[in-house]
Amino acid sequence: MLAERLVAHRGYQRHYPENTLLAYREAVAAGARAIETDVLLSADLQPVLYHDPTLTRVSGRRGRVDARTLAELVELPAHEPRRFGDRFADTRITALAELADWLGTQPEVTAYVEIKREAIDFAGIDACYRAIADCLAPVAGQCVLMSFAPDIVAHARDRGWRRCGLVLDRWRDHSSSELMALRPEALFCDYRKVPARARLGDLEPELVLYEIDRVELALQWFERGVDRIETFAVGELFQALSRHRL
């Protein structure tokens, strides 16, 4: 199904503040059945949905995410003031536990949960993994834990997490025996890093390319054998692709 081949990058980010429950609800309402979110840790080691290690761009505040407790963070806006002004001023930072509660009401939705390197550096691999895994345990079957950092993916595998993925820094890493030993369910990669002659059909993990928002480009990659497209504009791309036979 087309809906299963699109991944809402940080939610419906084109029209709503990224990594917020609002953005994920709207992405699913627009047709998405897969979402991607970034996770950082608070000062008291609680996971929150956030991309940047600092609060400036998304929340309009000074300081770092990991310098504030969860109770403090969920009172802060996540409204992207440079993009939206005060339109979403009442939208707050979302705790991962809140996303997990919502996922429990959306059993058809797959969540790709990217563990940011800053969270690993802050808390260490085991504490970081445990904080995130504990939150997601009730919906573990819906969640693919992934990261640019293969060491935490390896740790998740060792601890029994069933669904794992990797984000590639370099395309050639997809053939690394060390990385493939982790048995990733999915590989995420910037589409601009994929060589023109790469044989995509030979990959065993599903391949997800980001960041694509043009229907012509999405069609080209689907024709080359890409499994999924990750996009900030999930609603627009869903509507445009629905007019084509894939």
C-alpha atoms as a PDB file:
ATOM      1  CA  MET A   1       0.000   0.000   0.000  1.00  0.00           C
ATOM      2  CA  LEU A   2       1.174   3.532  -0.800  1.00  0.00           C
ATOM      3  CA  ALA A   3       0.528   4.702   2.754  1.00  0.00           C
ATOM      4  CA  GLU A   4       3.017   2.133   4.029  1.00  0.00           C
ATOM      5  CA  ARG A   5       5.751   3.336   1.681  1.00  0.00           C
ATOM      6  CA  LEU A   6       5.893   6.885   3.068  1.00  0.00           C
ATOM      7  CA  VAL A   7       7.523   7.798   6.378  1.00  0.00           C
ATOM      8  CA  ALA A   8       6.525  11.079   8.013  1.00  0.00           C
ATOM      9  CA  HIS A   9       9.874  12.688   8.896  1.00  0.00           C
ATOM     10  CA  ARG A  10       9.467  14.287  12.343  1.00  0.00           C
ATOM     11  CA  GLY A  11       5.728  14.120  11.664  1.00  0.00           C
ATOM     12  CA  TYR A  12       3.913  16.353   9.201  1.00  0.00           C
ATOM     13  CA  GLN A  13       6.753  18.813   9.536  1.00  0.00           C
ATOM     14  CA  ARG A  14       5.909  21.001   6.557  1.00  0.00           C
ATOM     15  CA  HIS A  15       2.833  22.385   8.318  1.00  0.00           C
ATOM     16  CA  TYR A  16       3.295  21.610  12.022  1.00  0.00           C
ATOM     17  CA  PRO A  17       6.124  21.921  14.559  1.00  0.00           C
ATOM     18  CA  GLU A  18       8.455  18.951  14.222  1.00  0.00           C
ATOM     19  CA  ASN A  19       8.643  16.090  16.707  1.00  0.00           C
ATOM     20  CA  THR A  20       5.394  17.013  18.426  1.00  0.00           C
ATOM     21  CA  LEU A  21       2.399  14.819  19.049  1.00  0.00           C
ATOM     22  CA  LEU A  22       0.417  17.312  16.968  1.00  0.00           C
ATOM     23  CA  ALA A  23       2.689  16.707  13.965  1.00  0.00           C
ATOM     24  CA  TYR A  24       2.313  12.928  14.278  1.00  0.00           C
ATOM     25  CA  ARG A  25      -1.451  13.019  14.639  1.00  0.00           C
ATOM     26  CA  GLU A  26      -1.719  15.209  11.561  1.00  0.00           C
ATOM     27  CA  ALA A  27       0.650  12.951   9.600  1.00  0.00           C
ATOM     28  CA  VAL A  28      -1.541   9.928  10.281  1.00  0.00           C
ATOM     29  CA  ALA A  29      -4.648  11.951   9.452  1.00  0.00           C
ATOM     30  CA  ALA A  30      -2.986  12.796   6.113  1.00  0.00           C
ATOM     31  CA  GLY A  31      -2.499   9.116   5.333  1.00  0.00           C
ATOM     32  CA  ALA A  32       0.852   8.139   6.865  1.00  0.00           C
ATOM     33  CA  ARG A  33       1.242   4.724   8.443  1.00  0.00           C
ATOM     34  CA  ALA A  34       4.901   5.177   9.379  1.00  0.00           C
ATOM     35  CA  ILE A  35       6.482   8.007  11.324  1.00  0.00           C
ATOM     36  CA  GLU A  36      10.018   8.941  12.356  1.00  0.00           C
ATOM     37  CA  THR A  37      10.980  10.749  15.529  1.00  0.00           C
ATOM     38  CA  ASP A  38      14.188  11.957  17.171  1.00  0.00           C
ATOM     39  CA  VAL A  39      14.855  11.280  20.850  1.00  0.00           C
ATOM     40  CA  LEU A  40      17.046  13.123  23.345  1.00  0.00           C
ATOM     41  CA  LEU A  41      17.242  12.817  27.133  1.00  0.00           C
ATOM     42  CA  SER A  42      16.378  15.281  29.868  1.00  0.00           C
ATOM     43  CA  ALA A  43      18.655  16.035  32.808  1.00  0.00           C
ATOM     44  CA  ASP A  44      16.852  13.323  34.795  1.00  0.00           C
ATOM     45  CA  LEU A  45      17.290  10.791  31.960  1.00  0.00           C
ATOM     46  CA  GLN A  46      13.774  10.900  30.581  1.00  0.00           C
ATOM     47  CA  PRO A  47      13.315  10.683  26.786  1.00  0.00           C
ATOM     48  CA  VAL A  48      11.720  13.541  24.874  1.00  0.00           C
ATOM     49  CA  LEU A  49      10.981  14.080  21.187  1.00  0.00           C
ATOM     50  CA  TYR A  50      13.584  16.590  20.049  1.00  0.00           C
ATOM     51  CA  HIS A  51      16.153  16.896  17.279  1.00  0.00           C
ATOM     52  CA  ASP A  52      18.535  19.669  18.303  1.00  0.00           C
ATOM     53  CA  PRO A  53      20.630  19.395  21.483  1.00  0.00           C
ATOM     54  CA  THR A  54      19.895  23.075  22.169  1.00  0.00           C
ATOM     55  CA  LEU A  55      16.494  24.688  22.688  1.00  0.00           C
ATOM     56  CA  THR A  56      16.970  27.723  20.454  1.00  0.00           C
ATOM     57  CA  ARG A  57      15.448  26.771  17.089  1.00  0.00           C
ATOM     58  CA  VAL A  58      12.444  24.740  18.200  1.00  0.00           C
ATOM     59  CA  SER A  59      11.595  26.318  21.545  1.00  0.00           C
ATOM     60  CA  GLY A  60      13.030  29.831  21.355  1.00  0.00           C
ATOM     61  CA  ARG A  61      14.912  29.328  24.606  1.00  0.00           C
ATOM     62  CA  ARG A  62      18.558  29.272  25.622  1.00  0.00           C
ATOM     63  CA  GLY A  63      20.393  26.228  26.910  1.00  0.00           C
ATOM     64  CA  ARG A  64      20.475  22.506  26.250  1.00  0.00           C
ATOM     65  CA  VAL A  65      17.747  19.903  26.410  1.00  0.00           C
ATOM     66  CA  ASP A  66      19.823  17.721  28.739  1.00  0.00           C
ATOM     67  CA  ALA A  67      20.236  20.605  31.220  1.00  0.00           C
ATOM     68  CA  ARG A  68      16.525  20.594  32.128  1.00  0.00           C
ATOM     69  CA  THR A  69      14.355  18.007  33.827  1.00  0.00           C
ATOM     70  CA  LEU A  70      11.436  16.360  32.105  1.00  0.00           C
ATOM     71  CA  ALA A  71       9.010  18.389  34.226  1.00  0.00           C
ATOM     72  CA  GLU A  72      10.680  21.568  32.997  1.00  0.00           C
ATOM     73  CA  LEU A  73      10.862  20.511  29.361  1.00  0.00           C
ATOM     74  CA  VAL A  74       7.207  19.565  28.946  1.00  0.00           C
ATOM     75  CA  GLU A  75       6.270  23.080  30.068  1.00  0.00           C
ATOM     76  CA  LEU A  76       8.353  24.629  27.280  1.00  0.00           C
ATOM     77  CA  PRO A  77       6.972  25.370  23.813  1.00  0.00           C
ATOM     78  CA  ALA A  78       8.003  23.352  20.772  1.00  0.00           C
ATOM     79  CA  HIS A  79       6.565  25.809  18.277  1.00  0.00           C
ATOM     80  CA  GLU A  80       9.459  26.607  15.888  1.00  0.00           C
ATOM     81  CA  PRO A  81       9.008  30.395  16.170  1.00  0.00           C
ATOM     82  CA  ARG A  82      11.192  31.237  13.174  1.00  0.00           C
ATOM     83  CA  ARG A  83       8.909  29.232  10.889  1.00  0.00           C
ATOM     84  CA  PHE A  84       5.514  29.683  12.508  1.00  0.00           C
ATOM     85  CA  GLY A  85       5.736  32.763  14.731  1.00  0.00           C
ATOM     86  CA  ASP A  86       3.233  32.386  17.585  1.00  0.00           C
ATOM     87  CA  ARG A  87       0.811  30.169  15.666  1.00  0.00           C
ATOM     88  CA  PHE A  88       1.675  27.073  17.717  1.00  0.00           C
ATOM     89  CA  ALA A  89       2.767  28.828  20.902  1.00  0.00           C
ATOM     90  CA  ASP A  90       0.642  26.478  23.014  1.00  0.00           C
ATOM     91  CA  THR A  91       2.287  23.349  21.601  1.00  0.00           C
ATOM     92  CA  ARG A  92       4.647  21.873  24.185  1.00  0.00           C
ATOM     93  CA  ILE A  93       7.634  19.536  24.049  1.00  0.00           C
ATOM     94  CA  THR A  94       6.398  15.954  23.865  1.00  0.00           C
ATOM     95  CA  ALA A  95       7.690  13.221  26.162  1.00  0.00           C
ATOM     96  CA  LEU A  96       8.399   9.870  24.508  1.00  0.00           C
ATOM     97  CA  ALA A  97       6.002   8.271  26.983  1.00  0.00           C
ATOM     98  CA  GLU A  98       3.207  10.440  25.578  1.00  0.00           C
ATOM     99  CA  LEU A  99       4.001   9.298  22.051  1.00  0.00           C
ATOM    100  CA  ALA A 100       3.974   5.680  23.247  1.00  0.00           C
ATOM    101  CA  ASP A 101       0.519   6.157  24.788  1.00  0.00           C
ATOM    102  CA  TRP A 102      -0.751   7.529  21.471  1.00  0.00           C
ATOM    103  CA  LEU A 103       0.872   4.712  19.478  1.00  0.00           C
ATOM    104  CA  GLY A 104      -1.077   2.299  21.622  1.00  0.00           C
ATOM    105  CA  THR A 105      -4.243   3.731  20.056  1.00  0.00           C
ATOM    106  CA  GLN A 106      -2.775   3.477  16.535  1.00  0.00           C
ATOM    107  CA  PRO A 107      -1.819  -0.193  16.099  1.00  0.00           C
ATOM    108  CA  GLU A 108      -1.391   0.190  12.324  1.00  0.00           C
ATOM    109  CA  VAL A 109       1.364   2.813  12.712  1.00  0.00           C
ATOM    110  CA  THR A 110       5.079   1.946  12.682  1.00  0.00           C
ATOM    111  CA  ALA A 111       7.410   4.337  14.527  1.00  0.00           C
ATOM    112  CA  TYR A 112      11.069   4.691  13.598  1.00  0.00           C
ATOM    113  CA  VAL A 113      12.715   6.045  16.739  1.00  0.00           C
ATOM    114  CA  GLU A 114      16.100   7.652  16.148  1.00  0.00           C
ATOM    115  CA  ILE A 115      18.328   7.751  19.216  1.00  0.00           C
ATOM    116  CA  LYS A 116      20.486  10.841  18.854  1.00  0.00           C
ATOM    117  CA  ARG A 117      24.211  10.631  19.461  1.00  0.00           C
ATOM    118  CA  GLU A 118      23.962  13.488  21.956  1.00  0.00           C
ATOM    119  CA  ALA A 119      21.704  11.346  24.163  1.00  0.00           C
ATOM    120  CA  ILE A 120      24.216   8.499  24.094  1.00  0.00           C
ATOM    121  CA  ASP A 121      27.108  10.836  24.901  1.00  0.00           C
ATOM    122  CA  PHE A 122      25.145  12.348  27.779  1.00  0.00           C
ATOM    123  CA  ALA A 123      23.907   9.211  29.527  1.00  0.00           C
ATOM    124  CA  GLY A 124      26.001   6.352  28.170  1.00  0.00           C
ATOM    125  CA  ILE A 125      24.762   3.485  26.034  1.00  0.00           C
ATOM    126  CA  ASP A 126      23.047   1.343  28.651  1.00  0.00           C
ATOM    127  CA  ALA A 127      21.260   4.127  30.538  1.00  0.00           C
ATOM    128  CA  CYS A 128      20.160   5.706  27.274  1.00  0.00           C
ATOM    129  CA  TYR A 129      18.821   2.427  25.912  1.00  0.00           C
ATOM    130  CA  ARG A 130      17.011   1.517  29.139  1.00  0.00           C
ATOM    131  CA  ALA A 131      15.300   4.915  29.389  1.00  0.00           C
ATOM    132  CA  ILE A 132      13.973   4.652  25.843  1.00  0.00           C
ATOM    133  CA  ALA A 133      13.154   0.939  25.901  1.00  0.00           C
ATOM    134  CA  ASP A 134      11.218   1.289  29.152  1.00  0.00           C
ATOM    135  CA  CYS A 135       9.013   3.986  27.610  1.00  0.00           C
ATOM    136  CA  LEU A 136       8.354   2.008  24.452  1.00  0.00           C
ATOM    137  CA  ALA A 137       7.909  -1.429  26.015  1.00  0.00           C
ATOM    138  CA  PRO A 138       4.062  -1.421  25.741  1.00  0.00           C
ATOM    139  CA  VAL A 139       4.306  -0.713  21.987  1.00  0.00           C
ATOM    140  CA  ALA A 140       7.641  -2.400  21.228  1.00  0.00           C
ATOM    141  CA  GLY A 141       6.208  -4.338  18.299  1.00  0.00           C
ATOM    142  CA  GLN A 142       5.447  -1.067  16.516  1.00  0.00           C
ATOM    143  CA  CYS A 143       8.823   0.564  17.124  1.00  0.00           C
ATOM    144  CA  VAL A 144      12.088   0.307  15.194  1.00  0.00           C
ATOM    145  CA  LEU A 145      14.986   1.611  17.290  1.00  0.00           C
ATOM    146  CA  MET A 146      17.652   3.170  15.098  1.00  0.00           C
ATOM    147  CA  SER A 147      20.630   5.492  15.213  1.00  0.00           C
ATOM    148  CA  PHE A 148      23.665   6.791  13.358  1.00  0.00           C
ATOM    149  CA  ALA A 149      25.573   5.121  16.223  1.00  0.00           C
ATOM    150  CA  PRO A 150      25.809   1.354  15.587  1.00  0.00           C
ATOM    151  CA  ASP A 151      26.994   0.688  19.136  1.00  0.00           C
ATOM    152  CA  ILE A 152      23.596   1.456  20.657  1.00  0.00           C
ATOM    153  CA  VAL A 153      21.863  -0.594  17.960  1.00  0.00           C
ATOM    154  CA  ALA A 154      24.146  -3.501  18.880  1.00  0.00           C
ATOM    155  CA  HIS A 155      23.278  -2.949  22.540  1.00  0.00           C
ATOM    156  CA  ALA A 156      19.560  -2.987  21.743  1.00  0.00           C
ATOM    157  CA  ARG A 157      19.999  -6.256  19.863  1.00  0.00           C
ATOM    158  CA  ASP A 158      21.919  -7.762  22.780  1.00  0.00           C
ATOM    159  CA  ARG A 159      19.111  -6.744  25.141  1.00  0.00           C
ATOM    160  CA  GLY A 160      16.523  -8.433  22.942  1.00  0.00           C
ATOM    161  CA  TRP A 161      14.962  -5.500  21.078  1.00  0.00           C
ATOM    162  CA  ARG A 162      13.450  -7.166  18.037  1.00  0.00           C
ATOM    163  CA  ARG A 163      13.159  -4.324  15.542  1.00  0.00           C
ATOM    164  CA  CYS A 164      16.294  -2.266  14.865  1.00  0.00           C
ATOM    165  CA  GLY A 165      17.600  -0.034  12.091  1.00  0.00           C
ATOM    166  CA  LEU A 166      20.621   2.032  11.100  1.00  0.00           C
ATOM    167  CA  VAL A 167      21.079   5.503   9.671  1.00  0.00           C
ATOM    168  CA  LEU A 168      24.022   5.567   7.281  1.00  0.00           C
ATOM    169  CA  ASP A 169      26.662   8.278   7.460  1.00  0.00           C
ATOM    170  CA  ARG A 170      28.081   7.021   4.139  1.00  0.00           C
ATOM    171  CA  TRP A 171      26.442   4.910   1.482  1.00  0.00           C
ATOM    172  CA  ARG A 172      29.322   2.441   1.331  1.00  0.00           C
ATOM    173  CA  ASP A 173      28.635   1.486   4.947  1.00  0.00           C
ATOM    174  CA  HIS A 174      25.576  -0.482   3.763  1.00  0.00           C
ATOM    175  CA  SER A 175      27.912  -3.315   2.762  1.00  0.00           C
ATOM    176  CA  SER A 176      29.889  -3.333   6.008  1.00  0.00           C
ATOM    177  CA  SER A 177      29.931  -6.837   7.475  1.00  0.00           C
ATOM    178  CA  GLU A 178      30.052  -5.311  10.965  1.00  0.00           C
ATOM    179  CA  LEU A 179      26.875  -3.333  10.418  1.00  0.00           C
ATOM    180  CA  MET A 180      25.028  -6.113   8.614  1.00  0.00           C
ATOM    181  CA  ALA A 181      25.833  -8.440  11.517  1.00  0.00           C
ATOM    182  CA  LEU A 182      23.351  -6.308  13.482  1.00  0.00           C
ATOM    183  CA  ARG A 183      20.572  -7.571  11.173  1.00  0.00           C
ATOM    184  CA  PRO A 184      18.964  -4.159  10.677  1.00  0.00           C
ATOM    185  CA  GLU A 185      15.352  -4.217   9.581  1.00  0.00           C
ATOM    186  CA  ALA A 186      15.829  -0.862   7.845  1.00  0.00           C
ATOM    187  CA  LEU A 187      18.597   1.320   6.484  1.00  0.00           C
ATOM    188  CA  PHE A 188      18.009   5.080   6.302  1.00  0.00           C
ATOM    189  CA  CYS A 189      20.133   7.213   4.000  1.00  0.00           C
ATOM    190  CA  ASP A 190      20.176  10.680   2.479  1.00  0.00           C
ATOM    191  CA  TYR A 191      19.160  10.086  -1.139  1.00  0.00           C
ATOM    192  CA  ARG A 192      21.948  12.396  -2.323  1.00  0.00           C
ATOM    193  CA  LYS A 193      24.525   9.937  -0.984  1.00  0.00           C
ATOM    194  CA  VAL A 194      23.307   6.999  -3.073  1.00  0.00           C
ATOM    195  CA  PRO A 195      25.421   6.449  -6.222  1.00  0.00           C
ATOM    196  CA  ALA A 196      23.662   6.526  -9.582  1.00  0.00           C
ATOM    197  CA  ARG A 197      24.680   2.924 -10.311  1.00  0.00           C
ATOM    198  CA  ALA A 198      23.919   1.442  -6.901  1.00  0.00           C
ATOM    199  CA  ARG A 199      22.026  -1.870  -7.144  1.00  0.00           C
ATOM    200  CA  LEU A 200      19.286  -1.230  -4.636  1.00  0.00           C
ATOM    201  CA  GLY A 201      17.372  -4.428  -5.274  1.00  0.00           C
ATOM    202  CA  ASP A 202      20.219  -6.485  -3.803  1.00  0.00           C
ATOM    203  CA  LEU A 203      19.770  -5.055  -0.302  1.00  0.00           C
ATOM    204  CA  GLU A 204      18.237  -7.324   2.304  1.00  0.00           C
ATOM    205  CA  PRO A 205      17.106  -4.634   4.791  1.00  0.00           C
ATOM    206  CA  GLU A 206      14.415  -2.286   3.588  1.00  0.00           C
ATOM    207  CA  LEU A 207      15.875   0.951   2.259  1.00  0.00           C
ATOM    208  CA  VAL A 208      14.383   4.287   3.319  1.00  0.00           C
ATOM    209  CA  LEU A 209      15.656   7.439   1.624  1.00  0.00           C
ATOM    210  CA  TYR A 210      15.253  10.970   2.942  1.00  0.00           C
ATOM    211  CA  GLU A 211      14.499  13.902   2.458  1.00  0.00           C
ATOM    212  CA  ILE A 212      12.222  13.760  -0.617  1.00  0.00           C
ATOM    213  CA  ASP A 213       9.208  15.971  -1.195  1.00  0.00           C
ATOM    214  CA  ARG A 214       8.855  15.979  -5.015  1.00  0.00           C
ATOM    215  CA  VAL A 215       6.694  13.348  -6.638  1.00  0.00           C
ATOM    216  CA  GLU A 216       8.982  13.026  -9.676  1.00  0.00           C
ATOM    217  CA  LEU A 217      11.956  12.257  -7.452  1.00  0.00           C
ATOM    218  CA  ALA A 218       9.976   9.813  -5.328  1.00  0.00           C
ATOM    219  CA  LEU A 219       8.844   7.936  -8.439  1.00  0.00           C
ATOM    220  CA  GLN A 220      12.405   7.703  -9.729  1.00  0.00           C
ATOM    221  CA  TRP A 221      13.588   6.128  -6.499  1.00  0.00           C
ATOM    222  CA  PHE A 222      10.661   3.745  -6.255  1.00  0.00           C
ATOM    223  CA  GLU A 223      11.440   2.598  -9.801  1.00  0.00           C
ATOM    224  CA  ARG A 224      15.032   1.934  -8.727  1.00  0.00           C
ATOM    225  CA  GLY A 225      13.858  -0.326  -5.939  1.00  0.00           C
ATOM    226  CA  VAL A 226      13.656   1.858  -2.846  1.00  0.00           C
ATOM    227  CA  ASP A 227      11.228   0.485  -0.273  1.00  0.00           C
ATOM    228  CA  ARG A 228      10.183   3.694   1.476  1.00  0.00           C
ATOM    229  CA  ILE A 229      10.504   7.450   1.156  1.00  0.00           C
ATOM    230  CA  GLU A 230      10.885   9.714   4.177  1.00  0.00           C
ATOM    231  CA  THR A 231       9.416  13.163   3.780  1.00  0.00           C
ATOM    232  CA  PHE A 232       8.515  16.342   5.634  1.00  0.00           C
ATOM    233  CA  ALA A 233       5.543  16.753   3.260  1.00  0.00           C
ATOM    234  CA  VAL A 234       3.747  13.470   3.776  1.00  0.00           C
ATOM    235  CA  GLY A 235       0.285  14.785   2.926  1.00  0.00           C
ATOM    236  CA  GLU A 236       1.284  16.431  -0.341  1.00  0.00           C
ATOM    237  CA  LEU A 237       3.416  13.490  -1.438  1.00  0.00           C
ATOM    238  CA  PHE A 238       0.698  10.995  -0.538  1.00  0.00           C
ATOM    239  CA  GLN A 239      -1.835  12.862  -2.649  1.00  0.00           C
ATOM    240  CA  ALA A 240       0.529  13.284  -5.606  1.00  0.00           C
ATOM    241  CA  LEU A 241       1.686   9.661  -5.599  1.00  0.00           C
ATOM    242  CA  SER A 242      -1.872   8.345  -5.308  1.00  0.00           C
ATOM    243  CA  ARG A 243      -2.385   9.435  -8.904  1.00  0.00           C
ATOM    244  CA  HIS A 244       0.372   7.081 -10.070  1.00  0.00           C
ATOM    245  CA  ARG A 245       0.451   3.283 -10.154  1.00  0.00           C
ATOM    246  CA  LEU A 246       3.385   2.006  -8.092  1.00  0.00           C
END
